[in-house]
Amino acid sequence: MGAGEVDLVARKGRTVAFIEVKWRSSRAALDQAIDARRLRRVARAAEALAPRFAGPGDDVRIDVILIAPGTWPRRIANAWQPGA
């Protein structure tokens, strides 16, 4: 498919989130863990998977979870905006 991958798919009510999880060995490295190129790949994968997980009227979004040792996970909700 070449569209990238999605790590998790979650639903809450009418919202379906395609979630990219990034782990880095340090908190400082998390700042470079996700960028526009990586988000575009996740967006392509989410677009391919959406018919399987989301129905008519569902809101679809892409979230990112950033994880490093010794820190609380950081969630970026709705990290991808179409056209970004």
N, C-alpha and C. Protein backbone atom coordinates (compact mmCIF):
# COMPACT_ATOMS: atom_id res chain seq x y z
N MET A 1 0.82 -1.19 0.00
CA MET A 1 0.00 0.00 0.00
C MET A 1 0.87 1.25 0.00
N GLY A 2 2.00 1.27 0.72
CA GLY A 2 2.89 2.42 0.71
C GLY A 2 2.32 3.64 1.39
N ALA A 3 1.24 3.47 2.12
CA ALA A 3 0.56 4.61 2.71
C ALA A 3 0.99 4.88 4.14
N GLY A 4 1.90 4.10 4.68
CA GLY A 4 2.27 4.29 6.07
C GLY A 4 1.48 3.34 6.94
N GLU A 5 1.43 3.65 8.22
CA GLU A 5 0.76 2.78 9.16
C GLU A 5 0.10 3.60 10.25
N VAL A 6 -0.83 2.97 10.93
CA VAL A 6 -1.49 3.54 12.09
C VAL A 6 -1.23 2.58 13.25
N ASP A 7 -0.83 3.11 14.38
CA ASP A 7 -0.51 2.25 15.53
C ASP A 7 -1.76 1.80 16.28
N LEU A 8 -2.71 2.69 16.46
CA LEU A 8 -3.94 2.39 17.21
C LEU A 8 -5.14 3.03 16.52
N VAL A 9 -6.28 2.39 16.69
CA VAL A 9 -7.54 3.00 16.27
C VAL A 9 -8.45 2.96 17.49
N ALA A 10 -9.02 4.11 17.83
CA ALA A 10 -9.89 4.19 19.00
C ALA A 10 -11.18 4.92 18.63
N ARG A 11 -12.25 4.52 19.28
CA ARG A 11 -13.54 5.17 19.07
C ARG A 11 -14.08 5.64 20.41
N LYS A 12 -14.62 6.84 20.41
CA LYS A 12 -15.37 7.36 21.56
C LYS A 12 -16.59 8.05 20.98
N GLY A 13 -17.73 7.44 21.18
CA GLY A 13 -18.95 7.99 20.60
C GLY A 13 -18.86 8.00 19.09
N ARG A 14 -19.04 9.18 18.50
CA ARG A 14 -19.01 9.32 17.04
C ARG A 14 -17.64 9.78 16.52
N THR A 15 -16.62 9.73 17.38
CA THR A 15 -15.27 10.13 16.97
C THR A 15 -14.39 8.90 16.86
N VAL A 16 -13.73 8.77 15.71
CA VAL A 16 -12.76 7.71 15.48
C VAL A 16 -11.39 8.37 15.37
N ALA A 17 -10.46 7.95 16.22
CA ALA A 17 -9.10 8.50 16.20
C ALA A 17 -8.13 7.45 15.69
N PHE A 18 -7.37 7.83 14.70
CA PHE A 18 -6.25 7.03 14.21
C PHE A 18 -5.03 7.61 14.91
N ILE A 19 -4.33 6.76 15.66
CA ILE A 19 -3.32 7.24 16.59
C ILE A 19 -1.93 6.75 16.21
N GLU A 20 -1.03 7.69 16.13
CA GLU A 20 0.40 7.41 15.92
C GLU A 20 1.09 7.50 17.27
N VAL A 21 1.82 6.47 17.65
CA VAL A 21 2.55 6.44 18.92
C VAL A 21 4.04 6.54 18.59
N LYS A 22 4.70 7.48 19.24
CA LYS A 22 6.14 7.65 19.05
C LYS A 22 6.83 7.51 20.40
N TRP A 23 7.81 6.63 20.46
CA TRP A 23 8.63 6.44 21.65
C TRP A 23 10.02 6.93 21.34
N ARG A 24 10.61 7.68 22.25
CA ARG A 24 11.98 8.13 22.12
C ARG A 24 12.69 7.89 23.44
N SER A 25 14.00 7.82 23.39
CA SER A 25 14.78 7.50 24.59
C SER A 25 14.92 8.67 25.55
N SER A 26 14.56 9.88 25.12
CA SER A 26 14.64 11.03 26.01
C SER A 26 13.50 12.01 25.72
N ARG A 27 13.20 12.79 26.72
CA ARG A 27 12.15 13.81 26.56
C ARG A 27 12.52 14.80 25.46
N ALA A 28 13.79 15.18 25.39
CA ALA A 28 14.23 16.15 24.38
C ALA A 28 14.02 15.61 22.97
N ALA A 29 14.20 14.32 22.78
CA ALA A 29 14.06 13.73 21.44
C ALA A 29 12.60 13.71 20.98
N LEU A 30 11.65 13.85 21.90
CA LEU A 30 10.24 13.84 21.51
C LEU A 30 9.88 15.02 20.62
N ASP A 31 10.60 16.13 20.76
CA ASP A 31 10.29 17.31 19.97
C ASP A 31 10.48 17.08 18.47
N GLN A 32 11.34 16.13 18.11
CA GLN A 32 11.57 15.82 16.71
C GLN A 32 10.92 14.50 16.28
N ALA A 33 10.10 13.91 17.13
CA ALA A 33 9.54 12.59 16.86
C ALA A 33 8.47 12.61 15.78
N ILE A 34 7.78 13.72 15.63
CA ILE A 34 6.70 13.79 14.65
C ILE A 34 6.84 15.09 13.87
N ASP A 35 6.68 14.98 12.57
CA ASP A 35 6.76 16.15 11.70
C ASP A 35 5.70 16.03 10.60
N ALA A 36 5.63 17.01 9.74
CA ALA A 36 4.60 17.03 8.71
C ALA A 36 4.69 15.81 7.79
N ARG A 37 5.89 15.39 7.45
CA ARG A 37 6.06 14.23 6.56
C ARG A 37 5.49 12.97 7.21
N ARG A 38 5.83 12.75 8.47
CA ARG A 38 5.31 11.57 9.18
C ARG A 38 3.79 11.64 9.33
N LEU A 39 3.28 12.82 9.62
CA LEU A 39 1.83 12.98 9.75
C LEU A 39 1.12 12.71 8.43
N ARG A 40 1.72 13.12 7.31
CA ARG A 40 1.11 12.84 6.00
C ARG A 40 1.00 11.35 5.76
N ARG A 41 2.03 10.59 6.15
CA ARG A 41 1.99 9.13 5.99
C ARG A 41 0.88 8.52 6.84
N VAL A 42 0.75 8.99 8.07
CA VAL A 42 -0.32 8.49 8.94
C VAL A 42 -1.68 8.87 8.34
N ALA A 43 -1.78 10.08 7.82
CA ALA A 43 -3.05 10.53 7.22
C ALA A 43 -3.43 9.66 6.03
N ARG A 44 -2.47 9.28 5.21
CA ARG A 44 -2.77 8.39 4.06
C ARG A 44 -3.24 7.03 4.55
N ALA A 45 -2.58 6.51 5.58
CA ALA A 45 -3.00 5.22 6.13
C ALA A 45 -4.39 5.32 6.75
N ALA A 46 -4.65 6.40 7.47
CA ALA A 46 -5.96 6.59 8.08
C ALA A 46 -7.04 6.69 7.01
N GLU A 47 -6.74 7.37 5.92
CA GLU A 47 -7.70 7.49 4.82
C GLU A 47 -8.04 6.12 4.24
N ALA A 48 -7.03 5.27 4.11
CA ALA A 48 -7.25 3.93 3.58
C ALA A 48 -8.05 3.06 4.56
N LEU A 49 -7.86 3.28 5.86
CA LEU A 49 -8.52 2.47 6.89
C LEU A 49 -9.89 3.01 7.30
N ALA A 50 -10.16 4.26 7.04
CA ALA A 50 -11.40 4.89 7.51
C ALA A 50 -12.66 4.14 7.11
N PRO A 51 -12.79 3.64 5.89
CA PRO A 51 -14.03 2.93 5.56
C PRO A 51 -14.27 1.69 6.44
N ARG A 52 -13.21 1.13 6.95
CA ARG A 52 -13.33 -0.06 7.79
C ARG A 52 -13.77 0.27 9.22
N PHE A 53 -13.37 1.44 9.71
CA PHE A 53 -13.59 1.78 11.12
C PHE A 53 -14.58 2.91 11.35
N ALA A 54 -14.79 3.77 10.39
CA ALA A 54 -15.65 4.94 10.57
C ALA A 54 -16.86 4.83 9.65
N GLY A 55 -17.99 5.22 10.18
CA GLY A 55 -19.21 5.18 9.40
C GLY A 55 -19.66 6.58 9.00
N PRO A 56 -20.74 6.66 8.25
CA PRO A 56 -21.29 7.96 7.87
C PRO A 56 -21.61 8.79 9.11
N GLY A 57 -21.21 10.03 9.09
CA GLY A 57 -21.47 10.92 10.22
C GLY A 57 -20.44 10.88 11.32
N ASP A 58 -19.51 9.93 11.27
CA ASP A 58 -18.45 9.89 12.28
C ASP A 58 -17.43 10.99 12.01
N ASP A 59 -16.89 11.55 13.08
CA ASP A 59 -15.76 12.46 12.98
C ASP A 59 -14.50 11.61 13.00
N VAL A 60 -13.57 11.91 12.12
CA VAL A 60 -12.31 11.17 12.03
C VAL A 60 -11.18 12.15 12.31
N ARG A 61 -10.24 11.73 13.14
CA ARG A 61 -9.09 12.59 13.41
C ARG A 61 -7.84 11.75 13.59
N ILE A 62 -6.72 12.43 13.59
CA ILE A 62 -5.43 11.78 13.82
C ILE A 62 -4.83 12.39 15.08
N ASP A 63 -4.53 11.52 16.03
CA ASP A 63 -3.89 11.92 17.28
C ASP A 63 -2.48 11.35 17.31
N VAL A 64 -1.65 11.95 18.14
CA VAL A 64 -0.28 11.47 18.35
C VAL A 64 -0.08 11.31 19.85
N ILE A 65 0.56 10.23 20.24
CA ILE A 65 0.96 10.03 21.62
C ILE A 65 2.48 9.92 21.64
N LEU A 66 3.11 10.76 22.45
CA LEU A 66 4.57 10.80 22.56
C LEU A 66 4.97 10.23 23.92
N ILE A 67 5.92 9.29 23.89
CA ILE A 67 6.32 8.58 25.11
C ILE A 67 7.84 8.58 25.23
N ALA A 68 8.33 8.87 26.43
CA ALA A 68 9.76 8.77 26.75
C ALA A 68 9.88 8.34 28.20
N PRO A 69 10.98 7.65 28.54
CA PRO A 69 11.17 7.22 29.93
C PRO A 69 11.16 8.41 30.90
N GLY A 70 10.53 8.20 32.04
CA GLY A 70 10.54 9.22 33.08
C GLY A 70 9.62 10.40 32.84
N THR A 71 8.77 10.32 31.82
CA THR A 71 7.84 11.42 31.54
C THR A 71 6.43 10.85 31.38
N TRP A 72 5.46 11.68 31.63
CA TRP A 72 4.09 11.29 31.35
C TRP A 72 3.88 11.29 29.84
N PRO A 73 3.10 10.36 29.33
CA PRO A 73 2.79 10.40 27.90
C PRO A 73 2.13 11.74 27.55
N ARG A 74 2.46 12.24 26.37
CA ARG A 74 1.88 13.49 25.90
C ARG A 74 1.01 13.20 24.69
N ARG A 75 -0.22 13.65 24.73
CA ARG A 75 -1.16 13.42 23.64
C ARG A 75 -1.39 14.71 22.88
N ILE A 76 -1.30 14.60 21.56
CA ILE A 76 -1.64 15.72 20.69
C ILE A 76 -2.90 15.30 19.96
N ALA A 77 -4.03 15.87 20.37
CA ALA A 77 -5.31 15.54 19.75
C ALA A 77 -5.46 16.31 18.45
N ASN A 78 -5.99 15.62 17.43
CA ASN A 78 -6.25 16.24 16.13
C ASN A 78 -4.98 16.88 15.57
N ALA A 79 -3.91 16.10 15.54
CA ALA A 79 -2.60 16.62 15.15
C ALA A 79 -2.49 16.94 13.66
N TRP A 80 -3.36 16.35 12.85
CA TRP A 80 -3.28 16.56 11.40
C TRP A 80 -4.50 17.30 10.92
N GLN A 81 -4.27 18.38 10.20
CA GLN A 81 -5.36 19.12 9.58
C GLN A 81 -5.22 18.95 8.06
N PRO A 82 -6.28 18.54 7.38
CA PRO A 82 -6.19 18.39 5.92
C PRO A 82 -5.64 19.67 5.29
N GLY A 83 -4.78 19.47 4.31
CA GLY A 83 -4.17 20.60 3.64
C GLY A 83 -2.92 21.11 4.33
N ALA A 84 -2.58 20.53 5.49
CA ALA A 84 -1.40 20.99 6.23
C ALA A 84 -0.13 20.43 5.62
